[in-house]
Amino acid sequence: MDQLTAVADPDAAVIGGQIRDLRKARGLTLETLAARIDRSVGYVSQVERGLSLLTIPNLKAIAQALGVGVNWFFQGDAPAPEGERGLIV
């Protein structure tokens, strides 16, 4: 398979999508995030698409640049507790 069309790991694509969504929610460009983590724009783009391996040090740098903890990317799909549903913080 071609590296540009294949996703190596479905989990990488999920985390990459979370990074992209959070980056956009923070109003950051690929260029800005790449500069903040001292990586290339191409690398960040490939991470967001699940095409490049994401090391723990790079994930930590991305999390810090986006203002979240690393655990933010591993929350899972569990529904919110009944008392917290519909709350906006």
Protein backbone atom coordinates (compact mmCIF):
# COMPACT_ATOMS: atom_id res chain seq x y z
CA MET A 1 0.00 0.00 0.00
CA ASP A 2 1.08 3.55 -0.64
CA GLN A 3 2.11 5.39 2.53
CA LEU A 4 0.11 8.47 1.57
CA THR A 5 -3.15 6.59 1.13
CA ALA A 6 -2.90 4.01 3.89
CA VAL A 7 -3.47 4.52 7.59
CA ALA A 8 -0.93 2.42 9.47
CA ASP A 9 -2.92 2.26 12.68
CA PRO A 10 -6.61 3.12 13.19
CA ASP A 11 -5.79 4.51 16.66
CA ALA A 12 -3.24 6.87 15.07
CA ALA A 13 -5.98 8.21 12.80
CA VAL A 14 -8.29 8.77 15.80
CA ILE A 15 -5.63 10.62 17.79
CA GLY A 16 -4.59 12.54 14.69
CA GLY A 17 -8.18 13.62 14.15
CA GLN A 18 -8.40 14.76 17.77
CA ILE A 19 -5.22 16.79 17.34
CA ARG A 20 -6.59 18.40 14.16
CA ASP A 21 -9.97 19.19 15.77
CA LEU A 22 -8.36 20.67 18.87
CA ARG A 23 -5.84 22.66 16.81
CA LYS A 24 -8.66 24.16 14.76
CA ALA A 25 -10.75 24.83 17.88
CA ARG A 26 -7.79 26.74 19.30
CA GLY A 27 -7.55 28.75 16.06
CA LEU A 28 -4.07 27.49 15.25
CA THR A 29 -2.68 26.79 11.80
CA LEU A 30 -0.54 23.79 10.95
CA GLU A 31 2.40 26.20 10.69
CA THR A 32 1.84 27.58 14.19
CA LEU A 33 1.52 24.16 15.82
CA ALA A 34 4.56 22.88 13.93
CA ALA A 35 6.63 25.86 15.11
CA ARG A 36 5.49 25.38 18.71
CA ILE A 37 6.63 21.74 18.74
CA ASP A 38 9.73 22.31 16.59
CA ARG A 39 8.59 19.93 13.84
CA SER A 40 7.80 20.40 10.17
CA VAL A 41 4.37 21.29 8.84
CA GLY A 42 4.47 18.08 6.81
CA TYR A 43 5.04 16.01 9.94
CA VAL A 44 2.11 17.61 11.78
CA SER A 45 -0.11 17.16 8.74
CA GLN A 46 0.81 13.48 8.48
CA VAL A 47 0.22 12.96 12.22
CA GLU A 48 -3.22 14.53 11.91
CA ARG A 49 -4.04 12.15 9.06
CA GLY A 50 -2.65 9.10 10.92
CA LEU A 51 0.17 8.60 8.42
CA SER A 52 3.21 9.27 10.65
CA LEU A 53 4.17 7.62 13.87
CA LEU A 54 3.48 9.79 16.88
CA THR A 55 6.06 9.34 19.62
CA ILE A 56 5.22 9.98 23.26
CA PRO A 57 7.59 12.98 23.42
CA ASN A 58 5.92 14.49 20.34
CA LEU A 59 2.44 13.82 21.74
CA LYS A 60 3.48 15.51 24.98
CA ALA A 61 4.77 18.52 23.03
CA ILE A 62 1.55 18.70 21.00
CA ALA A 63 -0.59 18.43 24.13
CA GLN A 64 1.38 21.22 25.80
CA ALA A 65 1.17 23.41 22.68
CA LEU A 66 -2.61 22.88 22.61
CA GLY A 67 -3.03 23.48 26.35
CA VAL A 68 -4.20 20.02 27.37
CA GLY A 69 -2.75 17.04 29.18
CA VAL A 70 -1.71 13.94 27.25
CA ASN A 71 -4.63 12.09 28.85
CA TRP A 72 -7.02 14.33 26.88
CA PHE A 73 -6.35 12.19 23.80
CA PHE A 74 -7.32 8.96 25.60
CA GLN A 75 -10.73 9.79 27.03
CA GLY A 76 -12.58 7.11 25.12
CA ASP A 77 -16.18 7.07 24.03
CA ALA A 78 -17.80 6.57 27.42
CA PRO A 79 -20.94 8.65 27.93
CA ALA A 80 -20.85 11.47 30.45
CA PRO A 81 -22.28 10.73 33.90
CA GLU A 82 -26.00 11.56 34.13
CA GLY A 83 -25.42 14.59 36.37
CA GLU A 84 -22.91 16.11 33.94
CA ARG A 85 -24.87 15.72 30.71
CA GLY A 86 -25.87 18.99 29.10
CA LEU A 87 -23.54 21.09 31.27
CA ILE A 88 -21.44 23.71 29.58
CA VAL A 89 -18.29 24.77 31.38
